[in-house]
Amino acid sequence: MQFSIHLKEQIMKQLRKIAVGAVASLGLGLAVAAFAQPGSMGNGAGQKMGGMQERMAGMMQGSMHGSSADPAAAPQLMTAPEREALQEKMRAAP
């Protein structure tokens, strides 16, 4: 009977050590994640969201203009008047 109780106590101690280690590891992981992204907590949250919205807007604008394609391929897809208009526009740009 003594052996059984002693064995149960050892198992409980071992399980408790594993649980404490797991909780400590998760806590450390969260701390590292929070430290790596300081804008995700506190005052920086709004700034981070604004940056994300700007990136999304840029991606949407780029996809509408076909900027994901090879820039060298664009003149080949244009007609001659479109190409001349683009060249004039580029010359006039500051």
N, C-alpha and C. Protein backbone atom coordinates (compact mmCIF):
# COMPACT_ATOMS: atom_id res chain seq x y z
N MET A 1 0.82 -1.19 0.00
CA MET A 1 0.00 0.00 0.00
C MET A 1 0.88 1.27 0.00
N GLN A 2 1.94 1.25 0.78
CA GLN A 2 2.85 2.39 0.84
C GLN A 2 3.47 2.68 -0.52
N PHE A 3 3.81 1.63 -1.24
CA PHE A 3 4.43 1.78 -2.56
C PHE A 3 3.49 2.48 -3.52
N SER A 4 2.22 2.13 -3.49
CA SER A 4 1.24 2.72 -4.38
C SER A 4 1.06 4.21 -4.11
N ILE A 5 0.99 4.60 -2.85
CA ILE A 5 0.84 6.01 -2.49
C ILE A 5 2.08 6.79 -2.90
N HIS A 6 3.25 6.21 -2.67
CA HIS A 6 4.49 6.87 -3.02
C HIS A 6 4.59 7.07 -4.54
N LEU A 7 4.17 6.05 -5.28
CA LEU A 7 4.20 6.13 -6.73
C LEU A 7 3.24 7.22 -7.23
N LYS A 8 2.06 7.33 -6.67
CA LYS A 8 1.10 8.36 -7.06
C LYS A 8 1.65 9.75 -6.77
N GLU A 9 2.31 9.91 -5.63
CA GLU A 9 2.90 11.22 -5.28
C GLU A 9 3.99 11.60 -6.28
N GLN A 10 4.81 10.63 -6.67
CA GLN A 10 5.86 10.92 -7.64
C GLN A 10 5.26 11.32 -8.99
N ILE A 11 4.21 10.62 -9.39
CA ILE A 11 3.56 10.94 -10.66
C ILE A 11 2.96 12.34 -10.60
N MET A 12 2.30 12.67 -9.49
CA MET A 12 1.69 14.00 -9.35
C MET A 12 2.77 15.09 -9.38
N LYS A 13 3.89 14.86 -8.71
CA LYS A 13 4.98 15.84 -8.71
C LYS A 13 5.52 16.04 -10.13
N GLN A 14 5.66 14.93 -10.84
CA GLN A 14 6.19 15.02 -12.21
C GLN A 14 5.21 15.77 -13.11
N LEU A 15 3.92 15.46 -12.99
CA LEU A 15 2.92 16.15 -13.80
C LEU A 15 2.86 17.63 -13.46
N ARG A 16 3.00 17.96 -12.18
CA ARG A 16 2.99 19.36 -11.77
C ARG A 16 4.19 20.10 -12.36
N LYS A 17 5.35 19.46 -12.38
CA LYS A 17 6.54 20.08 -12.97
C LYS A 17 6.34 20.32 -14.48
N ILE A 18 5.74 19.35 -15.14
CA ILE A 18 5.48 19.50 -16.58
C ILE A 18 4.51 20.64 -16.82
N ALA A 19 3.45 20.71 -16.00
CA ALA A 19 2.45 21.78 -16.17
C ALA A 19 3.08 23.15 -15.91
N VAL A 20 3.88 23.27 -14.87
CA VAL A 20 4.53 24.55 -14.56
C VAL A 20 5.48 24.94 -15.70
N GLY A 21 6.20 23.97 -16.23
CA GLY A 21 7.11 24.25 -17.34
C GLY A 21 6.36 24.71 -18.58
N ALA A 22 5.21 24.08 -18.85
CA ALA A 22 4.42 24.47 -20.02
C ALA A 22 3.87 25.88 -19.86
N VAL A 23 3.37 26.21 -18.67
CA VAL A 23 2.85 27.55 -18.42
C VAL A 23 3.97 28.59 -18.53
N ALA A 24 5.14 28.27 -18.00
CA ALA A 24 6.27 29.19 -18.09
C ALA A 24 6.69 29.40 -19.54
N SER A 25 6.69 28.33 -20.31
CA SER A 25 7.06 28.45 -21.73
C SER A 25 6.07 29.31 -22.50
N LEU A 26 4.79 29.11 -22.26
CA LEU A 26 3.78 29.93 -22.92
C LEU A 26 3.89 31.40 -22.53
N GLY A 27 4.13 31.64 -21.25
CA GLY A 27 4.29 33.02 -20.78
C GLY A 27 5.49 33.69 -21.43
N LEU A 28 6.58 32.95 -21.51
CA LEU A 28 7.78 33.49 -22.14
C LEU A 28 7.54 33.76 -23.63
N GLY A 29 6.82 32.86 -24.28
CA GLY A 29 6.50 33.05 -25.70
C GLY A 29 5.65 34.29 -25.92
N LEU A 30 4.66 34.50 -25.06
CA LEU A 30 3.83 35.70 -25.18
C LEU A 30 4.63 36.97 -24.91
N ALA A 31 5.52 36.91 -23.95
CA ALA A 31 6.35 38.08 -23.64
C ALA A 31 7.25 38.43 -24.82
N VAL A 32 7.83 37.43 -25.43
CA VAL A 32 8.71 37.66 -26.58
C VAL A 32 7.90 38.24 -27.75
N ALA A 33 6.71 37.70 -27.97
CA ALA A 33 5.87 38.20 -29.06
C ALA A 33 5.47 39.66 -28.81
N ALA A 34 5.13 39.99 -27.57
CA ALA A 34 4.75 41.37 -27.25
C ALA A 34 5.94 42.31 -27.39
N PHE A 35 7.11 41.84 -27.03
CA PHE A 35 8.31 42.66 -27.13
C PHE A 35 8.70 42.87 -28.59
N ALA A 36 8.50 41.86 -29.42
CA ALA A 36 8.88 41.94 -30.83
C ALA A 36 7.96 42.87 -31.61
N GLN A 37 6.73 43.06 -31.12
CA GLN A 37 5.77 43.93 -31.80
C GLN A 37 5.27 44.98 -30.82
N PRO A 38 6.07 45.98 -30.52
CA PRO A 38 5.66 46.95 -29.51
C PRO A 38 4.43 47.75 -29.90
N GLY A 39 4.13 47.88 -31.18
CA GLY A 39 2.97 48.64 -31.60
C GLY A 39 1.66 47.90 -31.40
N SER A 40 1.71 46.64 -31.04
CA SER A 40 0.48 45.87 -30.91
C SER A 40 -0.21 46.12 -29.58
N MET A 41 0.41 46.80 -28.66
CA MET A 41 -0.20 47.08 -27.36
C MET A 41 -0.10 48.57 -27.07
N GLY A 42 -1.04 49.10 -26.37
CA GLY A 42 -0.97 50.49 -25.92
C GLY A 42 -1.21 51.48 -27.04
N ASN A 43 -0.44 52.56 -27.03
CA ASN A 43 -0.66 53.68 -27.94
C ASN A 43 -0.41 53.33 -29.40
N GLY A 44 0.46 52.39 -29.66
CA GLY A 44 0.82 52.08 -31.04
C GLY A 44 -0.23 51.32 -31.80
N ALA A 45 -1.28 50.87 -31.15
CA ALA A 45 -2.27 50.03 -31.83
C ALA A 45 -2.94 50.80 -32.97
N GLY A 46 -3.28 52.04 -32.74
CA GLY A 46 -3.93 52.83 -33.78
C GLY A 46 -2.99 53.08 -34.95
N GLN A 47 -1.74 53.35 -34.65
CA GLN A 47 -0.77 53.59 -35.71
C GLN A 47 -0.57 52.33 -36.54
N LYS A 48 -0.53 51.21 -35.86
CA LYS A 48 -0.33 49.96 -36.58
C LYS A 48 -1.52 49.69 -37.50
N MET A 49 -2.72 49.93 -37.03
CA MET A 49 -3.90 49.70 -37.85
C MET A 49 -3.89 50.65 -39.04
N GLY A 50 -3.48 51.88 -38.82
CA GLY A 50 -3.42 52.83 -39.93
C GLY A 50 -2.45 52.37 -41.00
N GLY A 51 -1.31 51.85 -40.57
CA GLY A 51 -0.33 51.34 -41.52
C GLY A 51 -0.86 50.16 -42.30
N MET A 52 -1.60 49.30 -41.60
CA MET A 52 -2.17 48.13 -42.27
C MET A 52 -3.20 48.57 -43.30
N GLN A 53 -4.00 49.57 -42.94
CA GLN A 53 -5.00 50.05 -43.89
C GLN A 53 -4.33 50.67 -45.11
N GLU A 54 -3.24 51.38 -44.89
CA GLU A 54 -2.52 51.98 -46.02
C GLU A 54 -1.96 50.91 -46.94
N ARG A 55 -1.41 49.84 -46.36
CA ARG A 55 -0.88 48.75 -47.18
C ARG A 55 -1.98 48.09 -47.99
N MET A 56 -3.14 47.88 -47.33
CA MET A 56 -4.26 47.26 -48.03
C MET A 56 -4.72 48.15 -49.18
N ALA A 57 -4.78 49.46 -48.94
CA ALA A 57 -5.20 50.39 -49.99
C ALA A 57 -4.20 50.36 -51.14
N GLY A 58 -2.92 50.30 -50.81
CA GLY A 58 -1.89 50.23 -51.84
C GLY A 58 -1.98 48.96 -52.65
N MET A 59 -2.28 47.86 -51.97
CA MET A 59 -2.43 46.59 -52.67
C MET A 59 -3.63 46.63 -53.60
N MET A 60 -4.73 47.21 -53.12
CA MET A 60 -5.93 47.29 -53.95
C MET A 60 -5.67 48.18 -55.16
N GLN A 61 -5.01 49.30 -54.93
CA GLN A 61 -4.72 50.22 -56.03
C GLN A 61 -3.79 49.55 -57.03
N GLY A 62 -2.79 48.84 -56.52
CA GLY A 62 -1.86 48.15 -57.40
C GLY A 62 -2.54 47.09 -58.22
N SER A 63 -3.48 46.36 -57.62
CA SER A 63 -4.15 45.31 -58.37
C SER A 63 -5.08 45.90 -59.43
N MET A 64 -5.62 47.09 -59.18
CA MET A 64 -6.49 47.71 -60.18
C MET A 64 -5.69 48.19 -61.38
N HIS A 65 -4.45 48.59 -61.13
CA HIS A 65 -3.62 49.11 -62.21
C HIS A 65 -2.73 48.04 -62.82
N GLY A 66 -2.83 46.84 -62.31
CA GLY A 66 -2.04 45.74 -62.86
C GLY A 66 -0.57 45.85 -62.54
N SER A 67 -0.21 46.42 -61.40
CA SER A 67 1.20 46.60 -61.08
C SER A 67 1.88 45.30 -60.71
N SER A 68 1.11 44.24 -60.53
CA SER A 68 1.74 42.96 -60.19
C SER A 68 2.40 42.33 -61.40
N ALA A 69 2.08 42.83 -62.61
CA ALA A 69 2.68 42.30 -63.82
C ALA A 69 4.08 42.88 -63.99
N ASP A 70 4.83 42.30 -64.88
CA ASP A 70 6.17 42.79 -65.19
C ASP A 70 6.06 44.17 -65.82
N PRO A 71 6.74 45.18 -65.25
CA PRO A 71 6.62 46.53 -65.80
C PRO A 71 7.09 46.63 -67.25
N ALA A 72 8.02 45.79 -67.66
CA ALA A 72 8.51 45.82 -69.03
C ALA A 72 7.46 45.32 -70.01
N ALA A 73 6.51 44.53 -69.53
CA ALA A 73 5.48 43.98 -70.41
C ALA A 73 4.37 44.99 -70.69
N ALA A 74 4.22 46.02 -69.86
CA ALA A 74 3.13 46.98 -70.00
C ALA A 74 3.15 47.69 -71.35
N PRO A 75 4.28 48.23 -71.83
CA PRO A 75 4.25 48.91 -73.14
C PRO A 75 3.85 47.98 -74.29
N GLN A 76 4.13 46.71 -74.18
CA GLN A 76 3.76 45.78 -75.24
C GLN A 76 2.26 45.58 -75.30
N LEU A 77 1.59 45.79 -74.18
CA LEU A 77 0.14 45.59 -74.13
C LEU A 77 -0.64 46.85 -74.50
N MET A 78 0.05 47.96 -74.71
CA MET A 78 -0.61 49.23 -75.02
C MET A 78 -0.64 49.47 -76.52
N THR A 79 -1.63 50.24 -76.93
CA THR A 79 -1.66 50.68 -78.32
C THR A 79 -0.67 51.83 -78.47
N ALA A 80 -0.36 52.19 -79.70
CA ALA A 80 0.60 53.27 -79.94
C ALA A 80 0.15 54.60 -79.32
N PRO A 81 -1.12 55.00 -79.45
CA PRO A 81 -1.53 56.26 -78.82
C PRO A 81 -1.44 56.21 -77.28
N GLU A 82 -1.76 55.04 -76.72
CA GLU A 82 -1.66 54.91 -75.25
C GLU A 82 -0.21 55.02 -74.80
N ARG A 83 0.68 54.41 -75.55
CA ARG A 83 2.10 54.46 -75.22
C ARG A 83 2.63 55.88 -75.29
N GLU A 84 2.23 56.63 -76.33
CA GLU A 84 2.67 58.02 -76.47
C GLU A 84 2.11 58.87 -75.34
N ALA A 85 0.86 58.64 -74.96
CA ALA A 85 0.26 59.40 -73.86
C ALA A 85 0.99 59.11 -72.55
N LEU A 86 1.37 57.86 -72.34
CA LEU A 86 2.10 57.51 -71.13
C LEU A 86 3.48 58.17 -71.12
N GLN A 87 4.14 58.18 -72.27
CA GLN A 87 5.45 58.82 -72.34
C GLN A 87 5.37 60.31 -72.05
N GLU A 88 4.34 60.97 -72.59
CA GLU A 88 4.14 62.40 -72.33
C GLU A 88 3.87 62.63 -70.85
N LYS A 89 3.06 61.77 -70.27
CA LYS A 89 2.74 61.89 -68.86
C LYS A 89 3.99 61.73 -68.00
N MET A 90 4.83 60.80 -68.36
CA MET A 90 6.07 60.57 -67.59
C MET A 90 7.04 61.73 -67.75
N ARG A 91 7.09 62.34 -68.92
CA ARG A 91 7.98 63.49 -69.14
C ARG A 91 7.51 64.69 -68.33
N ALA A 92 6.20 64.84 -68.23
CA ALA A 92 5.62 65.99 -67.52
C ALA A 92 5.66 65.83 -66.00
N ALA A 93 5.87 64.61 -65.54
CA ALA A 93 5.88 64.37 -64.07
C ALA A 93 7.09 65.05 -63.45
N PRO A 94 6.91 65.62 -62.25
CA PRO A 94 8.04 66.32 -61.60
C PRO A 94 9.10 65.39 -61.12
